[in-house]
């Protein structure tokens, strides 16, 4: 799969994101494009937001939230990271993925048109590369890929396929496959290629 940028930034410290980056790149798919670390300038709950991966595919626009290392849930609050250096309390990874998806839909809709009107389905997948979360009422199994199924990246393609099938049943307005022209417009709205020269 093509991924933009083609090489992961040296500033990306998350080994989990690095693993998913490599696993996406290894998927034999010449129609889809994955975008790493997509910035959201506006977010209804935060000053700014970020989506770990946005994958533009013929069948769906898939948002991937990645958590590596320890994941702890206590008193309705989520904490991430190694003991003593945990980050939190934060919202659940599923709430993060859902919030990012809706904010992205709104942002890109202002540039290419309302995605629902265009028949573009969307959904999300949460990946914990190092642990397996117990099933709760907060998510369906198809929305989640834990350590065992992720299998060091070898199970990512299957997890994406399963998530795609799940979300297509919940996007009843979907008109797939999404045309190559529309996928290109979405890509250019997020990560355009340009070479600007000052006017002298």
N, C-alpha and C. Protein backbone atom coordinates (compact mmCIF):
# COMPACT_ATOMS: atom_id res chain seq x y z
N UNK A 1 0.84 -1.18 0.00
CA UNK A 1 0.00 0.00 0.00
C UNK A 1 0.89 1.25 0.00
N UNK A 2 0.51 2.21 -0.78
CA UNK A 2 1.24 3.48 -0.76
C UNK A 2 0.94 4.20 0.55
N UNK A 3 1.97 4.82 1.12
CA UNK A 3 1.78 5.55 2.36
C UNK A 3 2.48 6.89 2.25
N UNK A 4 1.83 7.92 2.75
CA UNK A 4 2.36 9.28 2.68
C UNK A 4 2.48 9.82 4.11
N UNK A 5 3.69 10.22 4.52
CA UNK A 5 4.94 10.21 3.77
C UNK A 5 5.45 8.79 3.56
N UNK A 6 6.32 8.62 2.58
CA UNK A 6 6.78 7.27 2.23
C UNK A 6 7.70 6.68 3.28
N UNK A 7 8.33 7.53 4.08
CA UNK A 7 9.17 7.07 5.19
C UNK A 7 8.68 7.75 6.46
N UNK A 8 8.67 7.00 7.55
CA UNK A 8 8.16 7.56 8.79
C UNK A 8 9.14 8.58 9.36
N UNK A 9 8.59 9.62 9.95
CA UNK A 9 9.41 10.69 10.50
C UNK A 9 10.25 10.20 11.67
N UNK A 10 11.46 10.71 11.76
CA UNK A 10 12.33 10.36 12.88
C UNK A 10 11.77 10.88 14.20
N UNK A 11 10.84 11.84 14.13
CA UNK A 11 10.24 12.38 15.35
C UNK A 11 9.13 11.49 15.90
N UNK A 12 8.74 10.47 15.16
CA UNK A 12 7.71 9.55 15.64
C UNK A 12 8.35 8.58 16.62
N UNK A 13 8.06 8.77 17.90
CA UNK A 13 8.68 7.94 18.93
C UNK A 13 7.88 6.66 19.20
N UNK A 14 6.61 6.66 18.82
CA UNK A 14 5.76 5.50 19.11
C UNK A 14 6.19 4.29 18.29
N UNK A 15 6.65 3.24 18.97
CA UNK A 15 7.01 2.01 18.27
C UNK A 15 5.76 1.35 17.69
N UNK A 16 4.61 1.57 18.32
CA UNK A 16 3.35 1.01 17.82
C UNK A 16 3.00 1.63 16.47
N UNK A 17 3.12 2.95 16.35
CA UNK A 17 2.84 3.61 15.07
C UNK A 17 3.84 3.18 14.02
N UNK A 18 5.10 3.01 14.43
CA UNK A 18 6.12 2.55 13.49
C UNK A 18 5.77 1.15 12.96
N UNK A 19 5.27 0.31 13.84
CA UNK A 19 4.88 -1.05 13.45
C UNK A 19 3.72 -1.03 12.46
N UNK A 20 2.70 -0.22 12.75
CA UNK A 20 1.54 -0.14 11.87
C UNK A 20 1.93 0.48 10.53
N UNK A 21 2.80 1.48 10.56
CA UNK A 21 3.31 2.11 9.33
C UNK A 21 3.91 1.04 8.42
N UNK A 22 4.80 0.22 8.98
CA UNK A 22 5.46 -0.82 8.19
C UNK A 22 4.46 -1.87 7.71
N UNK A 23 3.49 -2.20 8.56
CA UNK A 23 2.51 -3.22 8.19
C UNK A 23 1.60 -2.73 7.06
N UNK A 24 1.20 -1.46 7.10
CA UNK A 24 0.39 -0.90 6.01
C UNK A 24 1.18 -0.91 4.71
N UNK A 25 2.43 -0.50 4.79
CA UNK A 25 3.28 -0.42 3.60
C UNK A 25 3.46 -1.79 2.95
N UNK A 26 3.39 -2.85 3.76
CA UNK A 26 3.61 -4.21 3.26
C UNK A 26 2.36 -4.83 2.64
N UNK A 27 1.19 -4.19 2.81
CA UNK A 27 -0.04 -4.75 2.25
C UNK A 27 -0.02 -4.61 0.73
N UNK A 28 -0.22 -5.69 -0.03
CA UNK A 28 -0.20 -5.60 -1.50
C UNK A 28 -1.51 -5.01 -2.03
N UNK A 29 -1.57 -3.69 -2.08
CA UNK A 29 -2.77 -2.98 -2.50
C UNK A 29 -2.30 -1.71 -3.23
N UNK A 30 -2.51 -1.67 -4.56
CA UNK A 30 -2.03 -0.51 -5.33
C UNK A 30 -3.12 0.53 -5.57
N UNK A 31 -4.29 0.35 -4.95
CA UNK A 31 -5.37 1.33 -5.11
C UNK A 31 -5.57 2.22 -3.89
N UNK A 32 -5.12 1.75 -2.73
CA UNK A 32 -5.35 2.48 -1.49
C UNK A 32 -4.13 3.32 -1.12
N UNK A 33 -4.40 4.37 -0.34
CA UNK A 33 -3.34 5.26 0.14
C UNK A 33 -3.56 5.49 1.63
N UNK A 34 -2.51 5.31 2.41
CA UNK A 34 -2.57 5.59 3.85
C UNK A 34 -1.81 6.87 4.15
N UNK A 35 -2.40 7.69 4.99
CA UNK A 35 -1.76 8.95 5.40
C UNK A 35 -1.44 8.85 6.88
N UNK A 36 -0.19 9.08 7.22
CA UNK A 36 0.22 8.98 8.62
C UNK A 36 0.19 10.34 9.29
N UNK A 37 -0.32 10.37 10.53
CA UNK A 37 -0.30 11.55 11.38
C UNK A 37 -0.99 12.74 10.71
N UNK A 38 -2.30 12.64 10.60
CA UNK A 38 -3.09 13.70 9.95
C UNK A 38 -3.56 14.69 11.01
N UNK A 39 -3.17 15.94 10.82
CA UNK A 39 -3.46 17.02 11.76
C UNK A 39 -4.87 17.55 11.55
N UNK A 40 -5.58 17.78 12.65
CA UNK A 40 -6.91 18.40 12.58
C UNK A 40 -6.82 19.77 13.26
N UNK A 41 -6.92 20.85 12.50
CA UNK A 41 -6.75 22.18 13.10
C UNK A 41 -7.86 22.57 14.05
N UNK A 42 -9.03 21.92 13.92
CA UNK A 42 -10.15 22.19 14.81
C UNK A 42 -10.69 20.87 15.33
N UNK A 43 -11.08 20.88 16.61
CA UNK A 43 -11.65 19.68 17.23
C UNK A 43 -12.63 20.15 18.29
N UNK A 44 -13.81 19.52 18.34
CA UNK A 44 -14.85 20.00 19.26
C UNK A 44 -14.50 19.77 20.73
N UNK A 45 -13.52 18.88 21.01
CA UNK A 45 -13.15 18.61 22.40
C UNK A 45 -11.73 19.07 22.75
N UNK A 46 -10.91 19.36 21.73
CA UNK A 46 -9.51 19.71 21.97
C UNK A 46 -9.16 20.96 21.17
N UNK A 47 -8.04 21.58 21.55
CA UNK A 47 -7.59 22.74 20.77
C UNK A 47 -7.22 22.33 19.35
N UNK A 48 -6.52 21.22 19.23
CA UNK A 48 -6.22 20.62 17.92
C UNK A 48 -6.33 19.11 18.09
N UNK A 49 -6.37 18.41 17.00
CA UNK A 49 -6.45 16.95 17.05
C UNK A 49 -5.51 16.33 16.04
N UNK A 50 -5.38 15.01 16.15
CA UNK A 50 -4.54 14.28 15.22
C UNK A 50 -5.09 12.87 15.06
N UNK A 51 -5.04 12.39 13.83
CA UNK A 51 -5.45 11.02 13.54
C UNK A 51 -4.19 10.25 13.18
N UNK A 52 -3.99 9.10 13.80
CA UNK A 52 -2.76 8.35 13.56
C UNK A 52 -2.62 7.97 12.09
N UNK A 53 -3.67 7.34 11.52
CA UNK A 53 -3.65 6.97 10.11
C UNK A 53 -5.03 7.17 9.50
N UNK A 54 -5.05 7.76 8.31
CA UNK A 54 -6.27 7.83 7.49
C UNK A 54 -5.98 7.01 6.23
N UNK A 55 -6.82 6.02 5.98
CA UNK A 55 -6.61 5.14 4.84
C UNK A 55 -7.75 5.36 3.84
N UNK A 56 -7.37 5.86 2.66
CA UNK A 56 -8.34 6.13 1.59
C UNK A 56 -8.37 4.91 0.68
N UNK A 57 -9.49 4.17 0.70
CA UNK A 57 -9.62 2.94 -0.07
C UNK A 57 -10.83 3.04 -1.00
N UNK A 58 -10.88 2.20 -2.02
CA UNK A 58 -12.05 2.22 -2.90
C UNK A 58 -13.36 1.94 -2.16
N UNK A 59 -13.28 1.13 -1.08
CA UNK A 59 -14.50 0.75 -0.38
C UNK A 59 -14.85 1.63 0.81
N UNK A 60 -13.88 2.32 1.38
CA UNK A 60 -14.15 3.06 2.62
C UNK A 60 -13.02 4.03 2.94
N UNK A 61 -13.34 5.01 3.75
CA UNK A 61 -12.37 5.91 4.34
C UNK A 61 -12.21 5.43 5.78
N UNK A 62 -11.05 4.82 6.09
CA UNK A 62 -10.86 4.18 7.38
C UNK A 62 -9.87 4.96 8.24
N UNK A 63 -10.25 5.18 9.49
CA UNK A 63 -9.42 5.91 10.44
C UNK A 63 -8.86 4.92 11.46
N UNK A 64 -7.56 4.95 11.65
CA UNK A 64 -6.90 4.01 12.54
C UNK A 64 -6.27 4.74 13.72
N UNK A 65 -6.66 4.33 14.91
CA UNK A 65 -6.09 4.85 16.16
C UNK A 65 -5.21 3.76 16.76
N UNK A 66 -3.96 4.11 17.04
CA UNK A 66 -2.97 3.12 17.50
C UNK A 66 -2.54 3.42 18.93
N UNK A 67 -2.54 2.38 19.76
CA UNK A 67 -2.02 2.49 21.12
C UNK A 67 -0.99 1.38 21.33
N UNK A 68 0.18 1.76 21.81
CA UNK A 68 1.21 0.78 22.10
C UNK A 68 1.52 0.72 23.58
N UNK A 69 2.15 -0.36 24.01
CA UNK A 69 2.53 -0.49 25.41
C UNK A 69 1.34 -0.74 26.31
N UNK A 70 1.43 -0.22 27.50
CA UNK A 70 0.40 -0.47 28.52
C UNK A 70 -0.84 0.38 28.27
N UNK A 71 -2.00 -0.20 28.47
CA UNK A 71 -3.28 0.50 28.42
C UNK A 71 -4.01 0.19 29.72
N UNK A 72 -4.35 1.24 30.46
CA UNK A 72 -5.00 1.03 31.76
C UNK A 72 -6.31 1.80 31.81
N UNK A 73 -7.34 1.16 32.38
CA UNK A 73 -8.65 1.79 32.53
C UNK A 73 -9.06 1.70 34.00
N UNK A 74 -9.32 2.85 34.60
CA UNK A 74 -9.70 2.87 36.01
C UNK A 74 -10.69 4.00 36.27
N UNK A 75 -11.78 3.67 36.95
CA UNK A 75 -12.80 4.66 37.31
C UNK A 75 -13.29 5.44 36.09
N UNK A 76 -13.44 4.73 34.96
CA UNK A 76 -13.95 5.36 33.75
C UNK A 76 -12.94 6.21 33.01
N UNK A 77 -11.67 6.16 33.43
CA UNK A 77 -10.64 6.96 32.78
C UNK A 77 -9.57 6.05 32.20
N UNK A 78 -8.98 6.51 31.11
CA UNK A 78 -7.99 5.73 30.38
C UNK A 78 -6.61 6.35 30.53
N UNK A 79 -5.60 5.47 30.70
CA UNK A 79 -4.21 5.91 30.83
C UNK A 79 -3.36 5.07 29.88
N UNK A 80 -2.38 5.71 29.25
CA UNK A 80 -1.54 5.03 28.27
C UNK A 80 -0.07 5.25 28.60
N UNK A 81 0.75 4.24 28.36
CA UNK A 81 2.18 4.38 28.52
C UNK A 81 2.73 3.52 29.64
N UNK A 82 4.05 3.51 29.78
CA UNK A 82 4.70 2.66 30.77
C UNK A 82 4.41 3.13 32.19
N UNK A 83 4.44 2.22 33.16
CA UNK A 83 4.21 2.60 34.57
C UNK A 83 5.14 3.72 35.00
N UNK A 84 4.57 4.69 35.67
CA UNK A 84 5.35 5.84 36.12
C UNK A 84 5.45 6.95 35.10
N UNK A 85 5.17 6.63 33.85
CA UNK A 85 5.21 7.64 32.78
C UNK A 85 3.92 7.61 31.98
N UNK A 86 2.85 7.22 32.65
CA UNK A 86 1.55 7.12 31.96
C UNK A 86 1.03 8.49 31.58
N UNK A 87 0.33 8.53 30.48
CA UNK A 87 -0.32 9.75 30.01
C UNK A 87 -1.81 9.59 30.27
N UNK A 88 -2.41 10.57 30.93
CA UNK A 88 -3.83 10.48 31.21
C UNK A 88 -4.19 11.34 32.41
N UNK A 89 -5.48 11.35 32.79
CA UNK A 89 -6.55 10.56 32.16
C UNK A 89 -6.97 11.12 30.81
N UNK A 90 -7.30 10.19 29.93
CA UNK A 90 -7.75 10.55 28.58
C UNK A 90 -9.03 9.80 28.25
N UNK A 91 -9.61 10.16 27.11
CA UNK A 91 -10.79 9.43 26.67
C UNK A 91 -10.35 8.10 26.07
N UNK A 92 -11.32 7.21 25.87
CA UNK A 92 -10.99 5.89 25.35
C UNK A 92 -10.47 6.00 23.92
N UNK A 93 -9.70 5.00 23.47
CA UNK A 93 -9.23 5.04 22.08
C UNK A 93 -10.37 4.99 21.08
N UNK A 94 -11.48 4.40 21.48
CA UNK A 94 -12.64 4.33 20.58
C UNK A 94 -13.31 5.70 20.45
N UNK A 95 -13.38 6.43 21.56
CA UNK A 95 -13.90 7.80 21.51
C UNK A 95 -12.96 8.69 20.71
N UNK A 96 -11.66 8.49 20.88
CA UNK A 96 -10.68 9.28 20.11
C UNK A 96 -10.85 9.02 18.62
N UNK A 97 -10.98 7.75 18.25
CA UNK A 97 -11.11 7.40 16.83
C UNK A 97 -12.41 7.96 16.25
N UNK A 98 -13.50 7.82 17.01
CA UNK A 98 -14.79 8.31 16.54
C UNK A 98 -14.78 9.83 16.40
N UNK A 99 -14.21 10.52 17.40
CA UNK A 99 -14.15 11.98 17.34
C UNK A 99 -13.31 12.46 16.18
N UNK A 100 -12.16 11.82 15.96
CA UNK A 100 -11.31 12.19 14.83
C UNK A 100 -12.00 11.96 13.50
N UNK A 101 -12.73 10.85 13.40
CA UNK A 101 -13.44 10.53 12.16
C UNK A 101 -14.46 11.63 11.83
N UNK A 102 -15.26 12.03 12.82
CA UNK A 102 -16.30 13.02 12.56
C UNK A 102 -15.71 14.40 12.27
N UNK A 103 -14.64 14.76 12.97
CA UNK A 103 -14.00 16.05 12.69
C UNK A 103 -13.39 16.05 11.29
N UNK A 104 -12.76 14.96 10.91
CA UNK A 104 -12.15 14.86 9.58
C UNK A 104 -13.24 14.94 8.50
N UNK A 105 -14.34 14.21 8.70
CA UNK A 105 -15.45 14.26 7.74
C UNK A 105 -15.90 15.70 7.52
N UNK A 106 -15.99 16.46 8.62
CA UNK A 106 -16.43 17.86 8.51
C UNK A 106 -15.39 18.70 7.78
N UNK A 107 -14.11 18.54 8.16
CA UNK A 107 -13.05 19.35 7.54
C UNK A 107 -12.93 19.07 6.05
N UNK A 108 -12.89 17.80 5.68
CA UNK A 108 -12.70 17.47 4.26
C UNK A 108 -13.96 17.78 3.46
N UNK A 109 -15.11 17.69 4.14
CA UNK A 109 -16.37 18.01 3.46
C UNK A 109 -16.42 19.45 2.98
N UNK A 110 -15.75 20.34 3.72
CA UNK A 110 -15.71 21.76 3.33
C UNK A 110 -14.89 21.96 2.06
N UNK A 111 -14.04 20.99 1.72
CA UNK A 111 -13.15 21.13 0.57
C UNK A 111 -13.61 20.32 -0.65
N UNK A 112 -14.17 19.14 -0.43
CA UNK A 112 -14.55 18.30 -1.57
C UNK A 112 -16.06 18.08 -1.67
N UNK A 113 -16.80 18.47 -0.64
CA UNK A 113 -18.24 18.24 -0.62
C UNK A 113 -18.58 17.25 0.48
N UNK A 114 -19.82 17.29 0.93
CA UNK A 114 -20.26 16.41 2.00
C UNK A 114 -20.06 14.95 1.62
N UNK A 115 -19.31 14.21 2.46
CA UNK A 115 -18.98 12.84 2.11
C UNK A 115 -20.21 11.94 2.02
N UNK A 116 -21.18 12.18 2.88
CA UNK A 116 -22.40 11.37 2.82
C UNK A 116 -23.12 11.60 1.51
N UNK A 117 -23.23 12.87 1.10
CA UNK A 117 -23.87 13.18 -0.18
C UNK A 117 -23.11 12.55 -1.34
N UNK A 118 -21.79 12.44 -1.20
CA UNK A 118 -20.97 11.84 -2.25
C UNK A 118 -20.94 10.31 -2.18
N UNK A 119 -21.57 9.75 -1.15
CA UNK A 119 -21.64 8.29 -1.02
C UNK A 119 -20.39 7.65 -0.47
N UNK A 120 -19.54 8.46 0.21
CA UNK A 120 -18.28 7.93 0.75
C UNK A 120 -18.51 7.40 2.17
N UNK A 121 -18.36 6.09 2.37
CA UNK A 121 -18.53 5.54 3.72
C UNK A 121 -17.25 5.73 4.55
N UNK A 122 -17.42 5.79 5.86
CA UNK A 122 -16.26 5.91 6.72
C UNK A 122 -16.44 5.08 7.98
N UNK A 123 -15.33 4.77 8.64
CA UNK A 123 -15.35 4.00 9.87
C UNK A 123 -13.98 4.05 10.50
N UNK A 124 -13.86 3.39 11.65
CA UNK A 124 -12.57 3.42 12.34
C UNK A 124 -12.18 2.05 12.87
N UNK A 125 -10.88 1.93 13.13
CA UNK A 125 -10.31 0.70 13.68
C UNK A 125 -9.30 1.10 14.75
N UNK A 126 -9.46 0.55 15.95
CA UNK A 126 -8.51 0.78 17.04
C UNK A 126 -7.57 -0.41 17.12
N UNK A 127 -6.27 -0.12 17.20
CA UNK A 127 -5.27 -1.18 17.30
C UNK A 127 -4.45 -0.98 18.57
N UNK A 128 -4.37 -2.02 19.40
CA UNK A 128 -3.42 -2.02 20.51
C UNK A 128 -2.39 -3.10 20.16
N UNK A 129 -1.20 -2.66 19.84
CA UNK A 129 -0.20 -3.58 19.28
C UNK A 129 0.40 -4.53 20.31
N UNK A 130 0.31 -4.18 21.59
CA UNK A 130 1.03 -4.95 22.61
C UNK A 130 0.15 -5.61 23.66
N UNK A 131 -1.13 -5.27 23.70
CA UNK A 131 -2.04 -5.85 24.69
C UNK A 131 -3.36 -6.19 24.01
N UNK A 132 -4.16 -7.01 24.69
CA UNK A 132 -5.51 -7.34 24.23
C UNK A 132 -6.52 -6.81 25.23
N UNK A 133 -7.41 -5.94 24.78
CA UNK A 133 -8.45 -5.40 25.65
C UNK A 133 -9.58 -6.40 25.81
N UNK A 134 -10.12 -6.45 27.01
CA UNK A 134 -11.31 -7.26 27.23
C UNK A 134 -12.49 -6.61 26.52
N UNK A 135 -13.38 -7.42 26.01
CA UNK A 135 -14.57 -6.90 25.32
C UNK A 135 -15.45 -6.15 26.31
N UNK A 136 -15.92 -4.97 25.91
CA UNK A 136 -16.86 -4.18 26.70
C UNK A 136 -17.99 -3.73 25.78
N UNK A 137 -18.94 -3.01 26.35
CA UNK A 137 -20.05 -2.49 25.55
C UNK A 137 -19.62 -1.31 24.69
N UNK A 138 -18.39 -0.84 24.86
CA UNK A 138 -17.94 0.36 24.14
C UNK A 138 -17.57 0.09 22.69
N UNK A 139 -17.32 -1.17 22.34
CA UNK A 139 -16.92 -1.44 20.96
C UNK A 139 -17.38 -2.82 20.53
N UNK A 140 -17.48 -2.97 19.21
CA UNK A 140 -17.76 -4.26 18.60
C UNK A 140 -16.42 -4.89 18.20
N UNK A 141 -16.33 -6.21 18.18
CA UNK A 141 -15.05 -6.85 17.85
C UNK A 141 -14.46 -6.40 16.53
N UNK A 142 -15.31 -6.06 15.55
CA UNK A 142 -14.82 -5.67 14.23
C UNK A 142 -14.16 -4.29 14.23
N UNK A 143 -14.37 -3.52 15.31
CA UNK A 143 -13.79 -2.19 15.40
C UNK A 143 -12.43 -2.20 16.09
N UNK A 144 -11.95 -3.38 16.44
CA UNK A 144 -10.78 -3.48 17.29
C UNK A 144 -9.85 -4.60 16.83
N UNK A 145 -8.54 -4.32 16.93
CA UNK A 145 -7.52 -5.32 16.61
C UNK A 145 -6.50 -5.31 17.76
N UNK A 146 -6.54 -6.37 18.56
CA UNK A 146 -5.63 -6.47 19.69
C UNK A 146 -4.32 -7.14 19.29
N UNK A 147 -3.44 -7.28 20.26
CA UNK A 147 -2.10 -7.79 20.02
C UNK A 147 -2.09 -9.17 19.35
N UNK A 148 -2.94 -10.08 19.84
CA UNK A 148 -2.92 -11.44 19.30
C UNK A 148 -3.31 -11.46 17.83
N UNK A 149 -4.38 -10.74 17.47
CA UNK A 149 -4.82 -10.73 16.08
C UNK A 149 -3.94 -9.86 15.20
N UNK A 150 -3.40 -8.79 15.78
CA UNK A 150 -2.48 -7.93 15.03
C UNK A 150 -1.23 -8.71 14.65
N UNK A 151 -0.74 -9.50 15.59
CA UNK A 151 0.33 -10.47 15.31
C UNK A 151 1.56 -9.81 14.67
N UNK A 152 2.01 -8.74 15.31
CA UNK A 152 3.20 -8.08 14.80
C UNK A 152 3.02 -7.41 13.45
N UNK A 153 1.78 -7.17 13.06
CA UNK A 153 1.47 -6.55 11.77
C UNK A 153 0.95 -7.53 10.74
N UNK A 154 1.17 -8.82 10.97
CA UNK A 154 0.76 -9.83 9.98
C UNK A 154 -0.75 -9.95 9.87
N UNK A 155 -1.49 -9.53 10.91
CA UNK A 155 -2.94 -9.62 10.87
C UNK A 155 -3.63 -8.33 10.50
N UNK A 156 -2.86 -7.30 10.12
CA UNK A 156 -3.47 -6.00 9.85
C UNK A 156 -4.40 -6.02 8.65
N UNK A 157 -3.98 -6.63 7.55
CA UNK A 157 -4.82 -6.65 6.34
C UNK A 157 -6.17 -7.31 6.64
N UNK A 158 -6.15 -8.41 7.35
CA UNK A 158 -7.39 -9.10 7.71
C UNK A 158 -8.26 -8.23 8.62
N UNK A 159 -7.61 -7.53 9.57
CA UNK A 159 -8.36 -6.64 10.45
C UNK A 159 -9.02 -5.49 9.69
N UNK A 160 -8.33 -4.96 8.70
CA UNK A 160 -8.90 -3.88 7.87
C UNK A 160 -10.08 -4.41 7.06
N UNK A 161 -9.94 -5.59 6.50
CA UNK A 161 -11.04 -6.18 5.73
C UNK A 161 -12.26 -6.40 6.61
N UNK A 162 -12.06 -6.89 7.81
CA UNK A 162 -13.17 -7.14 8.74
C UNK A 162 -13.84 -5.83 9.14
N UNK A 163 -13.04 -4.80 9.44
CA UNK A 163 -13.59 -3.50 9.80
C UNK A 163 -14.36 -2.89 8.64
N UNK A 164 -13.85 -3.05 7.43
CA UNK A 164 -14.53 -2.51 6.25
C UNK A 164 -15.90 -3.14 6.08
N UNK A 165 -15.99 -4.46 6.17
CA UNK A 165 -17.29 -5.13 6.05
C UNK A 165 -18.26 -4.65 7.11
N UNK A 166 -17.78 -4.49 8.34
CA UNK A 166 -18.61 -4.03 9.45
C UNK A 166 -19.16 -2.63 9.18
N UNK A 167 -18.28 -1.71 8.80
CA UNK A 167 -18.71 -0.32 8.64
C UNK A 167 -19.60 -0.11 7.41
N UNK A 168 -19.42 -0.92 6.37
CA UNK A 168 -20.26 -0.76 5.19
C UNK A 168 -21.73 -1.03 5.51
N UNK A 169 -21.99 -1.90 6.46
CA UNK A 169 -23.39 -2.15 6.85
C UNK A 169 -23.97 -0.99 7.64
N UNK A 170 -23.12 -0.11 8.14
CA UNK A 170 -23.58 1.04 8.94
C UNK A 170 -23.50 2.35 8.19
N UNK A 171 -23.09 2.31 6.93
CA UNK A 171 -23.07 3.48 6.05
C UNK A 171 -24.03 3.19 4.91
N UNK A 172 -25.30 3.24 5.19
CA UNK A 172 -26.30 2.79 4.21
C UNK A 172 -26.37 3.69 2.97
N UNK A 173 -25.78 4.88 3.05
CA UNK A 173 -25.75 5.79 1.91
C UNK A 173 -24.55 5.51 0.98
N UNK A 174 -23.73 4.53 1.35
CA UNK A 174 -22.49 4.28 0.62
C UNK A 174 -22.74 3.92 -0.84
N UNK A 175 -21.92 4.51 -1.70
CA UNK A 175 -21.92 4.15 -3.12
C UNK A 175 -20.49 3.77 -3.47
N UNK A 176 -20.23 2.48 -3.39
CA UNK A 176 -18.86 2.00 -3.60
C UNK A 176 -18.80 1.15 -4.86
N UNK A 177 -17.63 1.05 -5.48
CA UNK A 177 -16.39 1.69 -5.03
C UNK A 177 -16.41 3.20 -5.25
N UNK A 178 -15.72 3.90 -4.36
CA UNK A 178 -15.55 5.34 -4.52
C UNK A 178 -14.64 5.55 -5.73
N UNK A 179 -15.02 6.45 -6.60
CA UNK A 179 -14.26 6.64 -7.84
C UNK A 179 -12.83 7.07 -7.56
N UNK A 180 -11.95 6.71 -8.47
CA UNK A 180 -10.54 7.09 -8.35
C UNK A 180 -10.40 8.61 -8.35
N UNK A 181 -11.24 9.29 -9.13
CA UNK A 181 -11.17 10.75 -9.20
C UNK A 181 -11.52 11.37 -7.85
N UNK A 182 -12.54 10.85 -7.18
CA UNK A 182 -12.93 11.39 -5.88
C UNK A 182 -11.89 11.05 -4.81
N UNK A 183 -11.33 9.85 -4.89
CA UNK A 183 -10.28 9.49 -3.94
C UNK A 183 -9.07 10.42 -4.12
N UNK A 184 -8.76 10.77 -5.36
CA UNK A 184 -7.65 11.68 -5.61
C UNK A 184 -7.95 13.07 -5.05
N UNK A 185 -9.19 13.53 -5.19
CA UNK A 185 -9.58 14.83 -4.64
C UNK A 185 -9.45 14.84 -3.12
N UNK A 186 -9.85 13.74 -2.48
CA UNK A 186 -9.73 13.65 -1.03
C UNK A 186 -8.26 13.67 -0.62
N UNK A 187 -7.43 12.93 -1.35
CA UNK A 187 -6.00 12.90 -1.04
C UNK A 187 -5.39 14.28 -1.18
N UNK A 188 -5.73 14.97 -2.26
CA UNK A 188 -5.16 16.30 -2.51
C UNK A 188 -5.65 17.33 -1.49
N UNK A 189 -6.83 17.09 -0.91
CA UNK A 189 -7.35 17.99 0.11
C UNK A 189 -6.57 17.85 1.42
N UNK A 190 -5.97 16.67 1.63
CA UNK A 190 -5.23 16.41 2.87
C UNK A 190 -3.73 16.58 2.66
N UNK A 191 -3.18 15.92 1.63
CA UNK A 191 -1.74 15.94 1.41
C UNK A 191 -1.45 16.26 -0.05
N UNK A 192 -1.62 17.53 -0.44
CA UNK A 192 -1.36 17.88 -1.84
C UNK A 192 0.14 17.95 -2.14
N UNK A 193 0.47 17.70 -3.40
CA UNK A 193 1.83 17.96 -3.87
C UNK A 193 1.85 19.39 -4.44
N UNK A 194 2.84 20.17 -4.07
CA UNK A 194 2.95 21.50 -4.68
C UNK A 194 4.40 21.97 -4.63
N UNK A 195 4.70 22.93 -5.48
CA UNK A 195 6.03 23.56 -5.54
C UNK A 195 5.79 25.03 -5.82
N UNK A 196 5.81 25.85 -4.79
CA UNK A 196 5.44 27.26 -4.91
C UNK A 196 6.69 28.12 -4.99
N UNK A 197 6.69 29.04 -5.94
CA UNK A 197 7.81 29.96 -6.12
C UNK A 197 7.35 31.37 -5.83
N UNK A 198 8.07 32.14 -5.00
CA UNK A 198 7.64 33.52 -4.72
C UNK A 198 7.58 34.35 -6.00
N UNK A 199 6.60 35.23 -6.05
CA UNK A 199 6.44 36.11 -7.21
C UNK A 199 7.42 37.29 -7.05
N UNK A 200 8.38 37.37 -7.96
CA UNK A 200 9.35 38.48 -7.90
C UNK A 200 9.02 39.55 -8.92
